[in-house]
Amino acid sequence: MIDGIDIVKRRREHIRWILLRALDNARPDGTNEGVLLMTIQGLYSDATQQEIRRELAYLEDRRLVEVSNRHTGHWFATLERHGVDIVEYTVACEPGIARPQKVG
């Protein structure tokens, strides 16, 4: 049985994966947090800007993304080299990101 903590953890890890995939699709330019929020809200309608920023900061701490323009109040993110490797399944993915098993 899945309890509330497991559901929250699964959501957080899934959002991280979707953010990486969205930023991969936005390469090489990256994109702003508004686009990322709309993407996540397509799956989780109650997602918030704060939630997106928290997960972007997590991904940045792992050196998977780079976040810029914090000082303007409108975050902008790009995928880093290691983030590309995670999305392209060329390196192992450590716990904390709900990357699905590679098919084929």
Protein backbone atom coordinates (compact mmCIF):
# COMPACT_ATOMS: atom_id res chain seq x y z
CA MET A 1 0.00 0.00 0.00
CA ILE A 2 1.28 3.46 -0.88
CA ASP A 3 1.07 6.03 1.89
CA GLY A 4 1.09 9.82 1.57
CA ILE A 5 4.86 10.12 1.81
CA ASP A 6 5.40 7.68 -1.05
CA ILE A 7 2.95 9.59 -3.24
CA VAL A 8 4.69 12.90 -2.54
CA LYS A 9 8.12 11.35 -3.22
CA ARG A 10 6.92 9.75 -6.46
CA ARG A 11 5.44 13.05 -7.63
CA ARG A 12 8.62 14.99 -6.81
CA GLU A 13 10.84 12.46 -8.63
CA HIS A 14 8.49 12.33 -11.63
CA ILE A 15 8.45 16.13 -11.89
CA ARG A 16 12.25 16.11 -11.95
CA TRP A 17 12.24 13.65 -14.85
CA ILE A 18 9.67 15.67 -16.79
CA LEU A 19 11.68 18.87 -16.23
CA LEU A 20 14.77 17.15 -17.64
CA ARG A 21 12.79 15.91 -20.67
CA ALA A 22 11.28 19.36 -21.25
CA LEU A 23 14.69 21.00 -21.08
CA ASP A 24 16.06 18.38 -23.46
CA ASN A 25 13.33 19.34 -25.93
CA ALA A 26 14.26 23.02 -25.47
CA ARG A 27 17.95 22.45 -26.27
CA PRO A 28 20.19 24.19 -26.99
CA ASP A 29 18.44 27.38 -25.89
CA GLY A 30 16.67 26.29 -22.72
CA THR A 31 13.38 27.77 -21.55
CA ASN A 32 11.74 29.81 -18.82
CA GLU A 33 9.96 28.60 -15.72
CA GLY A 34 6.57 29.60 -17.13
CA VAL A 35 6.86 27.09 -19.95
CA LEU A 36 8.12 24.46 -17.53
CA LEU A 37 5.25 25.14 -15.15
CA MET A 38 2.68 24.78 -17.94
CA THR A 39 4.34 21.50 -18.95
CA ILE A 40 4.17 20.12 -15.43
CA GLN A 41 0.61 21.38 -14.95
CA GLY A 42 -0.37 19.23 -17.93
CA LEU A 43 0.32 16.26 -15.63
CA TYR A 44 -0.23 17.80 -12.20
CA SER A 45 -2.80 20.58 -12.48
CA ASP A 46 -2.08 21.75 -8.94
CA ALA A 47 1.68 22.23 -9.54
CA THR A 48 3.02 25.61 -8.41
CA GLN A 49 5.86 27.91 -9.36
CA GLN A 50 7.45 27.23 -5.97
CA GLU A 51 7.36 23.49 -6.65
CA ILE A 52 9.02 23.94 -10.05
CA ARG A 53 11.70 26.18 -8.57
CA ARG A 54 12.40 23.71 -5.77
CA GLU A 55 12.91 20.85 -8.24
CA LEU A 56 15.00 23.01 -10.60
CA ALA A 57 17.22 23.92 -7.65
CA TYR A 58 17.57 20.22 -6.81
CA LEU A 59 18.55 19.42 -10.40
CA GLU A 60 20.97 22.34 -10.41
CA ASP A 61 22.60 21.09 -7.20
CA ARG A 62 23.19 17.79 -9.00
CA ARG A 63 24.72 19.75 -11.92
CA LEU A 64 22.08 18.50 -14.36
CA VAL A 65 20.64 21.92 -15.18
CA GLU A 66 21.77 25.52 -14.99
CA VAL A 67 19.34 28.14 -13.70
CA SER A 68 19.85 31.79 -14.57
CA ASN A 69 18.00 35.11 -14.21
CA ARG A 70 16.97 34.46 -10.60
CA HIS A 71 17.57 38.15 -9.90
CA THR A 72 14.83 39.14 -12.36
CA GLY A 73 12.24 36.94 -10.71
CA HIS A 74 11.82 34.88 -13.90
CA TRP A 75 13.96 31.78 -13.77
CA PHE A 76 15.44 30.41 -16.99
CA ALA A 77 16.88 26.88 -17.20
CA THR A 78 19.13 24.99 -19.59
CA LEU A 79 20.17 21.37 -19.59
CA GLU A 80 23.80 20.71 -18.67
CA ARG A 81 25.99 18.04 -20.26
CA HIS A 82 25.34 15.48 -17.52
CA GLY A 83 21.62 16.20 -17.73
CA VAL A 84 21.74 15.39 -21.44
CA ASP A 85 23.50 12.12 -20.60
CA ILE A 86 20.76 11.24 -18.09
CA VAL A 87 17.99 11.95 -20.61
CA GLU A 88 19.79 10.04 -23.37
CA TYR A 89 20.42 7.04 -21.08
CA THR A 90 24.19 7.14 -21.62
CA VAL A 91 24.95 7.22 -17.88
CA ALA A 92 23.39 5.66 -14.80
CA CYS A 93 20.72 7.69 -13.05
CA GLU A 94 21.15 7.97 -9.30
CA PRO A 95 18.06 7.84 -7.05
CA GLY A 96 15.94 10.97 -6.83
CA ILE A 97 14.78 11.10 -10.45
CA ALA A 98 12.03 8.84 -11.76
CA ARG A 99 13.72 7.96 -15.04
CA PRO A 100 11.86 5.02 -16.59
CA GLN A 101 13.65 1.88 -17.72
CA LYS A 102 15.12 2.21 -21.20
CA VAL A 103 13.11 0.27 -23.74
CA GLY A 104 14.98 -1.42 -26.59
